[in-house]
Structures are given as C-alpha cells and as structure tokens.
Amino acid sequence: MSVRLVDLTADDVHRWLGPALDVYVAAMNYPRGTQTHRTPLWRDHMNRPGWQAVGAVETTVSTPVSPAGTFVGDPPTLAGSTTETLIGIAYGYRGAEDQWWNQQLRAGLRQGGYTRTQIDDITRNYFELTELHVHPSMQGTGTGQRMLTRLLADRPEDSVLLSTPEVPGDDNRAWRLYRRLGFGDMLRHFGFTGDPRPFAVLGRRLPMN
C-alpha cells in the first residue's frame, strides 16, 4: 500500500468528485446523502478565481473486491489487481468580497474589535482553505499535512485563512495539524449564520517555510 498526491482539475471532476464527497462525509461523520446537497456547492467553488485542489490516492494490490470510492479504472477482476482509491481531499480559492465566507469573516472581525484598516489588510489578499479531509481509516498518517503543504506551496496570496469547529483544549488532529504548521487565532467561538456550532478562524502568512 502507498499513498501519492495528485492535482485534481475541474476538467476531471467527473472522476474524483463523488469519491471526494464520500471522504468528506466519512471524515465529518455526516449522514449519508449529504453528498447530494454539497455537490452543487463544490462545483460552484471550482469556478472561483484561484481554485486549486489536491487529492491523496491510496494504491493497493488487492483481491478481486471492488472497494468503495474506487478512483481509477474498473473494479478488479484478477487476484493481485492494482486499485487506486481517493482517501483525501484539500481545496480552496482566492478570497473575494462577494463571497459568503468573506462577508461572514468581515462581520466577525468587526465584532471582535478589529479596526477597518486591520480588516481590510486581513481580507485584501488571502487564500481560503475551504476543505481539508482525510478518510478516518487513514487519519494520523501525515496525509493531511502533505496535502496542505502541497496545496499552499506556490500560492501567490499573502496569507491563508480557514475556519474549523472549536474543540475542547484545541485537541484533535485537525487543530494539532494547524498549530504545527503555524496557524494562529484570528477569531474564536464565532458563529457562522445557519450553523449553531462555534468556530475558530485561523490564519498564517504565506509562503510556507
């Protein structure tokens, strides 16, 4: 078994979007069927300026069983067949004032006491890390860090921003990853419209060192 990273393109979306949404649902422990509601939104994101996506693909030599989320090729028919399965997804795009997340962020920063100048500086030129998910069976293997590092390696923006649910003591794999890569607090215990959960907004300067 090995895991390699691949650049995902909008032109190839018919191959990877379904498996990527399956990873998203599994990682977030959302109910089956969530994929249907998220598909139009993910497709819309692909049309935004600066959209970029990275996937993690697990390659296995398997017995003739078709795994869930098969990414490349037909289901194996012979013992020892090679299969590739998407087990991770990361994507984002350049932030802009006409985007919902940007508008929520600016409102939160105002509520948090940031000045107009500070808010303009934070939101002027940033990359929004929209999604970063690894299938539960592969979490803790460094796959998330590899995807995020590759995704941000050549971004031209001044900074990267993201939102993540609050957890006690900032103690889960996602939080530990973000802290390890130098993400600091921008907002804490912020409520996005339509979601009852408290969120943190984290950020760091680019480029990644």
Protein backbone atom coordinates (compact mmCIF):
# COMPACT_ATOMS: atom_id res chain seq x y z
CA MET A 1 0.00 0.00 0.00
CA SER A 2 1.24 3.51 -0.84
CA VAL A 3 -0.28 6.99 -0.90
CA ARG A 4 0.55 9.56 -3.55
CA LEU A 5 -0.67 13.11 -4.05
CA VAL A 6 -2.35 14.23 -7.25
CA ASP A 7 -3.51 17.60 -8.54
CA LEU A 8 -7.25 17.50 -9.16
CA THR A 9 -8.67 19.55 -12.02
CA ALA A 10 -12.13 20.84 -12.80
CA ASP A 11 -11.92 19.18 -16.22
CA ASP A 12 -11.59 15.80 -14.48
CA VAL A 13 -14.29 16.41 -11.89
CA HIS A 14 -16.47 13.54 -13.11
CA ARG A 15 -13.81 11.08 -11.87
CA TRP A 16 -13.00 12.47 -8.45
CA LEU A 17 -15.95 14.49 -7.10
CA GLY A 18 -18.03 11.51 -5.94
CA PRO A 19 -15.17 9.80 -4.08
CA ALA A 20 -14.05 13.15 -2.63
CA LEU A 21 -17.51 13.82 -1.21
CA ASP A 22 -17.54 10.30 0.26
CA VAL A 23 -14.28 11.11 2.05
CA TYR A 24 -15.78 14.40 3.27
CA VAL A 25 -18.88 12.70 4.68
CA ALA A 26 -16.86 9.95 6.36
CA ALA A 27 -14.33 12.38 7.86
CA MET A 28 -17.01 14.72 9.20
CA ASN A 29 -19.31 11.87 10.28
CA TYR A 30 -22.19 13.38 8.35
CA PRO A 31 -25.24 11.30 7.37
CA ARG A 32 -25.29 9.53 4.03
CA GLY A 33 -26.97 11.71 1.47
CA THR A 34 -25.05 14.82 2.46
CA GLN A 35 -23.10 14.36 -0.77
CA THR A 36 -26.18 15.27 -2.81
CA HIS A 37 -26.57 18.61 -1.06
CA ARG A 38 -22.87 19.51 -1.21
CA THR A 39 -22.27 18.63 -4.86
CA PRO A 40 -23.64 21.90 -6.35
CA LEU A 41 -21.65 23.99 -3.85
CA TRP A 42 -18.37 22.19 -4.58
CA ARG A 43 -18.98 22.58 -8.30
CA ASP A 44 -19.63 26.30 -7.82
CA HIS A 45 -16.37 26.66 -5.90
CA MET A 46 -14.45 25.32 -8.91
CA ASN A 47 -15.43 28.42 -10.87
CA ARG A 48 -13.97 30.84 -8.33
CA PRO A 49 -10.69 32.64 -9.05
CA GLY A 50 -7.61 30.78 -7.92
CA TRP A 51 -9.39 27.47 -7.22
CA GLN A 52 -6.94 24.63 -6.62
CA ALA A 53 -7.35 21.07 -5.32
CA VAL A 54 -5.09 18.25 -4.21
CA GLY A 55 -6.09 14.64 -3.63
CA ALA A 56 -4.44 11.74 -1.84
CA VAL A 57 -4.71 8.41 -3.62
CA GLU A 58 -4.05 5.07 -1.96
CA THR A 59 -2.69 2.37 -4.25
CA THR A 60 -3.22 -1.25 -3.22
CA VAL A 61 -2.70 -4.66 -4.75
CA SER A 62 -5.92 -6.40 -3.88
CA THR A 63 -8.03 -9.48 -4.27
CA PRO A 64 -10.99 -9.17 -6.66
CA VAL A 65 -13.18 -6.98 -4.47
CA SER A 66 -14.35 -3.56 -5.60
CA PRO A 67 -13.62 -1.03 -2.80
CA ALA A 68 -15.92 1.88 -2.00
CA GLY A 69 -14.82 5.08 -3.69
CA THR A 70 -12.67 3.44 -6.40
CA PHE A 71 -10.91 6.31 -8.11
CA VAL A 72 -9.21 4.98 -11.22
CA GLY A 73 -10.09 2.11 -13.50
CA ASP A 74 -12.68 -0.65 -13.41
CA PRO A 75 -13.32 -2.93 -10.42
CA PRO A 76 -10.51 -5.50 -10.25
CA THR A 77 -11.22 -8.90 -11.71
CA LEU A 78 -7.96 -10.76 -11.08
CA ALA A 79 -6.09 -11.54 -7.87
CA GLY A 80 -3.26 -9.07 -7.50
CA SER A 81 -5.05 -6.30 -9.40
CA THR A 82 -3.97 -2.76 -8.60
CA THR A 83 -6.64 -0.32 -7.42
CA GLU A 84 -6.43 3.38 -6.61
CA THR A 85 -8.77 4.88 -4.06
CA LEU A 86 -9.14 8.55 -3.18
CA ILE A 87 -8.62 8.86 0.59
CA GLY A 88 -8.01 12.59 0.99
CA ILE A 89 -9.14 15.93 -0.45
CA ALA A 90 -7.97 19.51 0.05
CA TYR A 91 -9.06 22.57 -1.89
CA GLY A 92 -9.53 26.30 -1.72
CA TYR A 93 -9.53 29.51 -3.73
CA ARG A 94 -8.75 33.20 -3.54
CA GLY A 95 -11.00 35.11 -1.14
CA ALA A 96 -13.19 37.93 -2.50
CA GLU A 97 -15.71 40.40 -1.11
CA ASP A 98 -18.66 38.89 -2.97
CA GLN A 99 -18.21 35.50 -1.27
CA TRP A 100 -20.37 34.45 1.69
CA TRP A 101 -17.41 33.30 3.83
CA ASN A 102 -15.61 36.60 3.27
CA GLN A 103 -18.68 38.56 4.33
CA GLN A 104 -19.11 36.42 7.45
CA LEU A 105 -15.42 36.84 8.25
CA ARG A 106 -15.54 40.62 7.95
CA ALA A 107 -18.60 40.77 10.21
CA GLY A 108 -16.87 38.55 12.77
CA LEU A 109 -13.71 40.65 12.71
CA ARG A 110 -15.78 43.79 13.32
CA GLN A 111 -17.49 42.11 16.27
CA GLY A 112 -14.08 41.01 17.51
CA GLY A 113 -12.85 44.60 17.74
CA TYR A 114 -10.64 44.75 14.66
CA THR A 115 -10.32 48.16 13.04
CA ARG A 116 -11.40 48.86 9.46
CA THR A 117 -7.76 49.09 8.42
CA GLN A 118 -6.94 45.75 10.06
CA ILE A 119 -9.94 44.06 8.45
CA ASP A 120 -9.04 45.40 5.02
CA ASP A 121 -5.47 44.19 5.46
CA ILE A 122 -6.58 40.69 6.55
CA THR A 123 -9.10 40.24 3.75
CA ARG A 124 -7.30 42.00 0.89
CA ASN A 125 -5.29 39.09 -0.49
CA TYR A 126 -5.82 35.66 1.09
CA PHE A 127 -6.33 32.05 0.08
CA GLU A 128 -9.35 30.41 1.71
CA LEU A 129 -8.67 26.81 2.71
CA THR A 130 -12.22 25.61 2.15
CA GLU A 131 -11.93 21.84 2.68
CA LEU A 132 -9.26 19.51 4.09
CA HIS A 133 -10.35 15.94 4.82
CA VAL A 134 -8.74 12.53 5.20
CA HIS A 135 -10.74 9.31 5.39
CA PRO A 136 -10.89 8.08 9.02
CA SER A 137 -9.04 4.89 8.10
CA MET A 138 -6.02 6.98 7.03
CA GLN A 139 -6.03 9.73 9.63
CA GLY A 140 -2.87 10.07 11.68
CA THR A 141 -0.61 9.05 8.78
CA GLY A 142 0.60 12.55 7.84
CA THR A 143 -1.59 12.64 4.73
CA GLY A 144 -3.38 15.84 5.75
CA GLN A 145 -0.12 17.70 6.30
CA ARG A 146 1.26 16.50 2.97
CA MET A 147 -1.85 17.67 1.11
CA LEU A 148 -1.96 21.05 2.83
CA THR A 149 1.74 21.69 2.29
CA ARG A 150 1.43 20.85 -1.41
CA LEU A 151 -1.73 22.94 -1.81
CA LEU A 152 -0.10 26.03 -0.31
CA ALA A 153 3.38 25.58 -1.77
CA ASP A 154 3.08 28.02 -4.67
CA ARG A 155 0.13 30.20 -3.73
CA PRO A 156 0.62 33.88 -4.64
CA GLU A 157 -1.59 35.26 -1.85
CA ASP A 158 -0.23 36.99 1.26
CA SER A 159 -1.91 34.62 3.69
CA VAL A 160 -4.14 31.56 4.13
CA LEU A 161 -7.29 31.59 6.27
CA LEU A 162 -9.61 28.79 7.37
CA SER A 163 -12.43 28.05 9.78
CA THR A 164 -12.66 24.94 11.92
CA PRO A 165 -15.08 23.85 14.66
CA GLU A 166 -14.00 24.59 18.21
CA VAL A 167 -12.97 21.56 20.30
CA PRO A 168 -12.06 21.39 24.00
CA GLY A 169 -8.44 22.30 24.50
CA ASP A 170 -7.91 22.66 20.73
CA ASP A 171 -7.14 18.96 20.93
CA ASN A 172 -7.90 16.95 17.83
CA ARG A 173 -5.94 16.00 14.74
CA ALA A 174 -7.08 19.00 12.70
CA TRP A 175 -6.13 21.50 15.39
CA ARG A 176 -2.78 19.86 16.04
CA LEU A 177 -2.02 19.98 12.31
CA TYR A 178 -2.88 23.67 12.02
CA ARG A 179 -0.84 24.58 15.08
CA ARG A 180 2.10 22.52 13.85
CA LEU A 181 2.05 24.47 10.57
CA GLY A 182 1.96 27.83 12.31
CA PHE A 183 -1.70 28.84 12.11
CA GLY A 184 -2.70 31.41 14.72
CA ASP A 185 -6.02 32.68 16.05
CA MET A 186 -7.98 35.33 14.16
CA LEU A 187 -11.38 34.69 15.76
CA ARG A 188 -12.53 32.27 18.44
CA HIS A 189 -16.01 30.97 19.25
CA PHE A 190 -17.52 32.65 16.22
CA GLY A 191 -20.95 31.66 14.93
CA PHE A 192 -21.49 31.44 11.19
CA THR A 193 -25.03 32.19 10.05
CA GLY A 194 -27.07 28.99 9.84
CA ASP A 195 -24.67 26.83 11.89
CA PRO A 196 -25.12 26.50 15.68
CA ARG A 197 -21.57 25.27 16.28
CA PRO A 198 -18.84 27.65 17.49
CA PHE A 199 -15.96 28.06 15.06
CA ALA A 200 -12.44 29.39 15.14
CA VAL A 201 -10.93 31.31 12.25
CA LEU A 202 -7.20 30.63 11.93
CA GLY A 203 -4.58 32.07 9.63
CA ARG A 204 -0.93 32.34 8.78
CA ARG A 205 1.25 34.27 6.38
CA LEU A 206 2.40 32.83 3.07
CA PRO A 207 4.64 31.46 1.71
CA MET A 208 5.02 28.35 3.84
CA ASN A 209 8.58 27.92 5.11
